[in-house]
N, C-alpha and C. Protein backbone atom coordinates (compact mmCIF):
# COMPACT_ATOMS: atom_id res chain seq x y z
N MET A 1 -12.80 14.03 9.86
CA MET A 1 -11.87 13.26 9.06
C MET A 1 -12.49 13.02 7.68
N ARG A 2 -11.65 13.12 6.65
CA ARG A 2 -12.12 13.03 5.26
C ARG A 2 -12.81 11.69 4.97
N GLN A 3 -12.26 10.59 5.45
CA GLN A 3 -12.85 9.28 5.18
C GLN A 3 -14.28 9.20 5.71
N ASN A 4 -14.54 9.72 6.88
CA ASN A 4 -15.89 9.68 7.45
C ASN A 4 -16.85 10.57 6.66
N LYS A 5 -16.36 11.70 6.14
CA LYS A 5 -17.21 12.55 5.30
C LYS A 5 -17.56 11.85 4.00
N LEU A 6 -16.61 11.09 3.44
CA LEU A 6 -16.89 10.34 2.21
C LEU A 6 -17.94 9.26 2.46
N VAL A 7 -17.92 8.66 3.63
CA VAL A 7 -18.95 7.68 4.00
C VAL A 7 -20.32 8.35 4.03
N GLN A 8 -20.41 9.53 4.62
CA GLN A 8 -21.67 10.26 4.70
C GLN A 8 -22.23 10.58 3.32
N HIS A 9 -21.33 10.82 2.34
CA HIS A 9 -21.76 11.17 0.99
C HIS A 9 -21.86 9.96 0.06
N GLY A 10 -21.74 8.74 0.62
CA GLY A 10 -21.90 7.53 -0.17
C GLY A 10 -20.72 7.19 -1.06
N LYS A 11 -19.58 7.82 -0.84
CA LYS A 11 -18.39 7.57 -1.67
C LYS A 11 -17.51 6.46 -1.10
N ARG A 12 -17.67 6.16 0.15
CA ARG A 12 -16.95 5.09 0.83
C ARG A 12 -17.94 4.31 1.68
N GLN A 13 -17.54 3.08 2.03
CA GLN A 13 -18.42 2.22 2.82
C GLN A 13 -18.06 2.17 4.30
N LEU A 14 -16.79 2.32 4.62
CA LEU A 14 -16.34 2.13 6.00
C LEU A 14 -15.75 3.40 6.59
N LYS A 15 -16.14 3.67 7.83
CA LYS A 15 -15.58 4.81 8.56
C LYS A 15 -14.18 4.47 9.06
N TYR A 16 -13.44 5.53 9.38
CA TYR A 16 -12.12 5.36 9.98
C TYR A 16 -12.29 4.79 11.38
N PRO A 17 -11.55 3.81 11.81
CA PRO A 17 -10.40 3.15 11.21
C PRO A 17 -10.73 1.77 10.66
N ASP A 18 -11.97 1.52 10.23
CA ASP A 18 -12.42 0.18 9.88
C ASP A 18 -11.97 -0.31 8.50
N SER A 19 -11.44 0.55 7.68
CA SER A 19 -11.01 0.19 6.33
C SER A 19 -9.69 -0.57 6.34
N ALA A 20 -9.51 -1.47 5.37
CA ALA A 20 -8.24 -2.18 5.22
C ALA A 20 -7.10 -1.22 4.93
N HIS A 21 -7.42 -0.02 4.43
CA HIS A 21 -6.39 0.99 4.18
C HIS A 21 -5.76 1.50 5.48
N ASN A 22 -6.49 1.41 6.57
CA ASN A 22 -6.06 2.03 7.82
C ASN A 22 -5.27 1.10 8.74
N ARG A 23 -5.01 -0.10 8.31
CA ARG A 23 -4.20 -1.01 9.12
C ARG A 23 -2.73 -0.64 8.98
N ALA A 24 -1.94 -1.06 9.92
CA ALA A 24 -0.49 -0.83 9.84
C ALA A 24 0.22 -2.16 9.96
N PRO A 25 0.84 -2.66 8.93
CA PRO A 25 0.92 -2.04 7.60
C PRO A 25 -0.40 -2.20 6.84
N SER A 26 -0.63 -1.29 5.93
CA SER A 26 -1.86 -1.32 5.13
C SER A 26 -1.91 -2.56 4.26
N CYS A 27 -3.08 -3.13 4.13
CA CYS A 27 -3.24 -4.28 3.24
C CYS A 27 -4.16 -3.94 2.07
N ALA A 28 -4.35 -2.65 1.80
CA ALA A 28 -5.19 -2.21 0.69
C ALA A 28 -4.58 -0.98 0.04
N VAL A 29 -4.89 -0.84 -1.25
CA VAL A 29 -4.39 0.29 -2.02
C VAL A 29 -5.44 0.65 -3.07
N ASP A 30 -5.50 1.92 -3.42
CA ASP A 30 -6.34 2.38 -4.53
C ASP A 30 -5.42 2.72 -5.69
N VAL A 31 -5.66 2.09 -6.85
CA VAL A 31 -4.81 2.27 -8.03
C VAL A 31 -5.70 2.37 -9.26
N ILE A 32 -5.35 3.28 -10.17
CA ILE A 32 -6.07 3.41 -11.43
C ILE A 32 -5.05 3.56 -12.55
N ALA A 33 -5.38 3.02 -13.72
CA ALA A 33 -4.48 3.11 -14.87
C ALA A 33 -4.40 4.55 -15.37
N TYR A 34 -3.24 4.90 -15.91
CA TYR A 34 -3.01 6.22 -16.46
C TYR A 34 -3.13 6.16 -17.97
N PRO A 35 -3.71 7.12 -18.64
CA PRO A 35 -4.29 8.33 -18.10
C PRO A 35 -5.60 8.04 -17.37
N ILE A 36 -5.85 8.79 -16.33
CA ILE A 36 -6.99 8.55 -15.45
C ILE A 36 -8.31 8.89 -16.14
N ASP A 37 -9.25 7.95 -16.08
CA ASP A 37 -10.62 8.17 -16.55
C ASP A 37 -11.53 7.47 -15.55
N TRP A 38 -12.05 8.24 -14.62
CA TRP A 38 -12.83 7.69 -13.50
C TRP A 38 -14.10 7.00 -13.94
N VAL A 39 -14.65 7.31 -15.10
CA VAL A 39 -15.95 6.75 -15.50
C VAL A 39 -15.84 5.61 -16.50
N ASP A 40 -14.64 5.24 -16.92
CA ASP A 40 -14.46 4.16 -17.89
C ASP A 40 -14.39 2.82 -17.17
N ARG A 41 -15.55 2.24 -16.91
CA ARG A 41 -15.65 0.99 -16.15
C ARG A 41 -14.95 -0.17 -16.88
N GLU A 42 -15.11 -0.21 -18.19
CA GLU A 42 -14.49 -1.30 -18.96
C GLU A 42 -12.96 -1.28 -18.82
N ARG A 43 -12.39 -0.10 -18.93
CA ARG A 43 -10.94 0.04 -18.81
C ARG A 43 -10.47 -0.32 -17.41
N GLN A 44 -11.21 0.09 -16.40
CA GLN A 44 -10.84 -0.23 -15.02
C GLN A 44 -10.96 -1.73 -14.76
N THR A 45 -11.95 -2.38 -15.39
CA THR A 45 -12.12 -3.82 -15.25
C THR A 45 -10.96 -4.56 -15.92
N LEU A 46 -10.55 -4.11 -17.10
CA LEU A 46 -9.40 -4.72 -17.78
C LEU A 46 -8.13 -4.57 -16.94
N PHE A 47 -7.93 -3.38 -16.38
CA PHE A 47 -6.77 -3.14 -15.53
C PHE A 47 -6.81 -4.06 -14.30
N ALA A 48 -7.98 -4.20 -13.71
CA ALA A 48 -8.12 -5.07 -12.53
C ALA A 48 -7.77 -6.51 -12.89
N GLY A 49 -8.18 -6.96 -14.07
CA GLY A 49 -7.82 -8.32 -14.50
C GLY A 49 -6.32 -8.51 -14.58
N TYR A 50 -5.63 -7.50 -15.09
CA TYR A 50 -4.17 -7.56 -15.16
C TYR A 50 -3.58 -7.63 -13.75
N VAL A 51 -4.00 -6.75 -12.87
CA VAL A 51 -3.48 -6.72 -11.50
C VAL A 51 -3.76 -8.05 -10.79
N LEU A 52 -4.97 -8.56 -10.92
CA LEU A 52 -5.33 -9.81 -10.26
C LEU A 52 -4.53 -10.98 -10.82
N GLY A 53 -4.29 -10.97 -12.14
CA GLY A 53 -3.49 -12.03 -12.76
C GLY A 53 -2.05 -12.02 -12.29
N VAL A 54 -1.45 -10.84 -12.21
CA VAL A 54 -0.07 -10.73 -11.73
C VAL A 54 0.01 -11.18 -10.26
N ALA A 55 -0.96 -10.77 -9.47
CA ALA A 55 -0.97 -11.17 -8.05
C ALA A 55 -1.07 -12.68 -7.93
N GLN A 56 -1.95 -13.28 -8.71
CA GLN A 56 -2.10 -14.74 -8.64
C GLN A 56 -0.80 -15.43 -9.05
N ALA A 57 -0.13 -14.93 -10.06
CA ALA A 57 1.14 -15.51 -10.50
C ALA A 57 2.19 -15.42 -9.40
N GLN A 58 2.06 -14.43 -8.53
CA GLN A 58 2.99 -14.24 -7.41
C GLN A 58 2.55 -14.99 -6.15
N GLY A 59 1.44 -15.70 -6.24
CA GLY A 59 0.94 -16.46 -5.10
C GLY A 59 0.16 -15.62 -4.10
N LEU A 60 -0.32 -14.45 -4.54
CA LEU A 60 -1.08 -13.57 -3.67
C LEU A 60 -2.56 -13.61 -4.03
N GLN A 61 -3.40 -13.54 -3.03
CA GLN A 61 -4.84 -13.46 -3.26
C GLN A 61 -5.29 -12.03 -2.98
N LEU A 62 -5.93 -11.41 -3.99
CA LEU A 62 -6.44 -10.06 -3.84
C LEU A 62 -7.94 -10.03 -3.98
N ARG A 63 -8.56 -9.06 -3.33
CA ARG A 63 -9.97 -8.75 -3.52
C ARG A 63 -10.02 -7.40 -4.22
N TRP A 64 -10.83 -7.32 -5.27
CA TRP A 64 -10.97 -6.08 -6.03
C TRP A 64 -12.33 -5.47 -5.73
N GLY A 65 -12.38 -4.15 -5.65
CA GLY A 65 -13.61 -3.43 -5.34
C GLY A 65 -14.67 -3.45 -6.44
N GLY A 66 -14.40 -4.13 -7.53
CA GLY A 66 -15.41 -4.34 -8.58
C GLY A 66 -16.00 -5.74 -8.53
N ASP A 67 -15.48 -6.59 -7.62
CA ASP A 67 -15.94 -7.97 -7.46
C ASP A 67 -15.65 -8.40 -6.03
N TRP A 68 -16.34 -7.79 -5.08
CA TRP A 68 -16.07 -8.00 -3.66
C TRP A 68 -16.11 -9.47 -3.25
N ASP A 69 -17.06 -10.23 -3.81
CA ASP A 69 -17.21 -11.63 -3.39
C ASP A 69 -16.34 -12.58 -4.21
N ARG A 70 -15.55 -12.03 -5.15
CA ARG A 70 -14.56 -12.78 -5.92
C ARG A 70 -15.18 -13.93 -6.71
N ASP A 71 -16.40 -13.70 -7.25
CA ASP A 71 -17.07 -14.74 -8.04
C ASP A 71 -16.98 -14.49 -9.54
N PHE A 72 -16.19 -13.52 -9.95
CA PHE A 72 -15.97 -13.14 -11.35
C PHE A 72 -17.22 -12.57 -12.01
N GLN A 73 -18.21 -12.18 -11.21
CA GLN A 73 -19.40 -11.49 -11.71
C GLN A 73 -19.27 -10.03 -11.27
N VAL A 74 -19.09 -9.13 -12.24
CA VAL A 74 -18.83 -7.74 -11.88
C VAL A 74 -20.09 -6.89 -11.81
N ALA A 75 -21.24 -7.50 -12.05
CA ALA A 75 -22.49 -6.72 -12.03
C ALA A 75 -23.31 -6.98 -10.77
N ASP A 76 -22.79 -7.73 -9.80
CA ASP A 76 -23.60 -8.10 -8.63
C ASP A 76 -23.20 -7.35 -7.36
N ASN A 77 -22.41 -6.29 -7.48
CA ASN A 77 -22.02 -5.51 -6.30
C ASN A 77 -23.11 -4.51 -5.94
N SER A 78 -23.25 -4.25 -4.66
CA SER A 78 -24.12 -3.16 -4.23
C SER A 78 -23.34 -1.85 -4.14
N PHE A 79 -22.00 -1.96 -4.11
CA PHE A 79 -21.13 -0.78 -4.06
C PHE A 79 -19.86 -1.10 -4.83
N ASP A 80 -19.54 -0.29 -5.82
CA ASP A 80 -18.32 -0.47 -6.59
C ASP A 80 -17.24 0.50 -6.13
N ASP A 81 -16.04 -0.01 -5.99
CA ASP A 81 -14.85 0.80 -5.73
C ASP A 81 -13.77 0.25 -6.66
N LEU A 82 -13.88 0.62 -7.93
CA LEU A 82 -13.11 -0.01 -9.00
C LEU A 82 -11.61 0.21 -8.90
N VAL A 83 -11.17 1.13 -8.08
CA VAL A 83 -9.74 1.38 -7.92
C VAL A 83 -9.15 0.67 -6.70
N HIS A 84 -9.98 -0.06 -5.96
CA HIS A 84 -9.58 -0.66 -4.68
C HIS A 84 -9.11 -2.11 -4.87
N PHE A 85 -7.93 -2.40 -4.29
CA PHE A 85 -7.39 -3.76 -4.24
C PHE A 85 -6.91 -4.00 -2.82
N GLU A 86 -7.21 -5.19 -2.30
CA GLU A 86 -6.75 -5.50 -0.94
C GLU A 86 -6.32 -6.95 -0.86
N LEU A 87 -5.35 -7.22 0.01
CA LEU A 87 -4.90 -8.59 0.26
C LEU A 87 -5.99 -9.36 0.97
N VAL A 88 -6.18 -10.60 0.56
CA VAL A 88 -7.12 -11.49 1.23
C VAL A 88 -6.35 -12.24 2.30
N GLU A 89 -6.81 -12.16 3.52
CA GLU A 89 -6.13 -12.85 4.61
C GLU A 89 -6.35 -14.33 4.50
N ALA A 90 -5.28 -15.07 4.67
CA ALA A 90 -5.35 -16.54 4.56
C ALA A 90 -6.00 -17.16 5.75
């Protein structure tokens, strides 16, 4: 399975089916701003701020893969997944 191969190569953290993406219904999505630039961390961080702000305005709590612990410090992750957003369970 592709997800497990990505784990082996350090591109993902969780094997199938442990990811929030694999739940039914899924509570996670990978999204990047267009035009796509995978290495522009600043642009992905700005986009994440927009997504998180809209979610908060809608009463939703999200976790972003650039700030897993949700402390607004984006340099303290051991693994970044800047395109990842997931619902925080209440």
